[in-house]
Amino acid sequence: MTDDEFTEALRRLGLSQAALGRLLDNLGEQQPAPTTVWRWADGRSRVPIGIGALLSLLEQLPAEVRGQVTRKAVRA
C-alpha cells in the first residue's frame, strides 16, 4: 500500500491518523506513535503489510459492522 492509498483508505473509512492508532490499540495491538502513522501517510516509512490488509478488510465490511468496529476509536 502506498502512502497515497493509505491516506485515501483512511479518508474513505472516516478515520484520522490518531483514530487509526486508537483502533489498533482497541484491537489489541500496541498503539503506534503518532509520528509513525504520520510517516506512513507522508511516505517517509512503508505502510506495514498488516495495516494495509486491515484497512482493506475494514472497507469490505458492511457499513454497520465497520461502524461497530471503529466507533470507539473515532469518538475518542
Protein backbone atom coordinates (compact mmCIF):
# COMPACT_ATOMS: atom_id res chain seq x y z
CA MET A 1 0.00 0.00 0.00
CA THR A 2 1.41 3.37 -0.98
CA ASP A 3 1.20 6.46 1.19
CA ASP A 4 -1.48 7.88 -1.10
CA GLU A 5 -3.50 4.66 -0.94
CA PHE A 6 -3.13 4.67 2.85
CA THR A 7 -4.34 8.25 3.16
CA GLU A 8 -7.23 7.61 0.79
CA ALA A 9 -8.27 4.45 2.68
CA LEU A 10 -8.32 6.40 5.96
CA ARG A 11 -10.47 9.07 4.32
CA ARG A 12 -12.93 6.52 2.91
CA LEU A 13 -13.17 4.86 6.34
CA GLY A 14 -13.64 8.18 8.12
CA LEU A 15 -10.55 7.60 10.25
CA SER A 16 -7.98 10.18 11.24
CA GLN A 17 -4.40 9.11 11.77
CA ALA A 18 -4.97 9.32 15.53
CA ALA A 19 -8.16 7.26 15.26
CA LEU A 20 -6.25 4.54 13.42
CA GLY A 21 -3.77 4.42 16.29
CA ARG A 22 -6.60 4.09 18.80
CA LEU A 23 -8.26 1.42 16.67
CA LEU A 24 -5.07 -0.64 16.65
CA ASP A 25 -4.86 -0.26 20.42
CA ASN A 26 -8.51 -1.33 20.76
CA LEU A 27 -7.82 -4.41 18.63
CA GLY A 28 -5.04 -5.50 20.98
CA GLU A 29 -2.03 -4.16 19.12
CA GLN A 30 0.32 -1.66 20.66
CA GLN A 31 -0.77 1.80 19.61
CA PRO A 32 1.84 3.22 17.25
CA ALA A 33 3.37 6.59 17.98
CA PRO A 34 1.57 9.44 16.19
CA THR A 35 4.74 10.16 14.25
CA THR A 36 4.78 6.58 12.97
CA VAL A 37 1.32 6.90 11.44
CA TRP A 38 2.26 10.32 10.05
CA ARG A 39 5.34 8.78 8.41
CA TRP A 40 3.15 6.16 6.75
CA ALA A 41 0.83 8.87 5.41
CA ASP A 42 3.74 11.08 4.34
CA GLY A 43 5.59 8.28 2.56
CA ARG A 44 8.62 8.51 4.84
CA SER A 45 8.05 4.91 6.02
CA ARG A 46 6.42 1.98 4.27
CA VAL A 47 2.92 1.12 5.38
CA PRO A 48 3.20 -2.31 7.03
CA ILE A 49 1.51 -5.09 5.09
CA GLY A 50 -0.76 -5.88 8.05
CA ILE A 51 -2.00 -2.29 8.26
CA GLY A 52 -2.84 -2.27 4.56
CA ALA A 53 -4.62 -5.59 4.94
CA LEU A 54 -6.59 -4.34 7.96
CA LEU A 55 -7.74 -1.23 6.10
CA SER A 56 -8.76 -3.33 3.07
CA LEU A 57 -10.73 -5.70 5.28
CA LEU A 58 -12.44 -2.82 7.08
CA GLU A 59 -13.52 -1.39 3.74
CA GLN A 60 -15.10 -4.72 2.78
CA LEU A 61 -17.22 -4.94 5.93
CA PRO A 62 -20.85 -3.88 5.79
CA ALA A 63 -21.14 -0.26 6.96
CA GLU A 64 -22.96 -1.22 10.17
CA VAL A 65 -20.32 -3.74 11.20
CA ARG A 66 -17.48 -1.39 10.23
CA GLY A 67 -19.08 1.30 12.38
CA GLN A 68 -19.21 -1.04 15.36
CA VAL A 69 -15.52 -1.87 14.96
CA THR A 70 -14.34 1.72 14.54
CA ARG A 71 -16.86 3.61 16.72
CA LYS A 72 -14.79 3.72 19.91
CA ALA A 73 -11.61 4.81 18.09
CA VAL A 74 -13.37 7.57 16.16
CA ARG A 75 -15.17 9.02 19.18
CA ALA A 76 -12.12 9.27 21.44
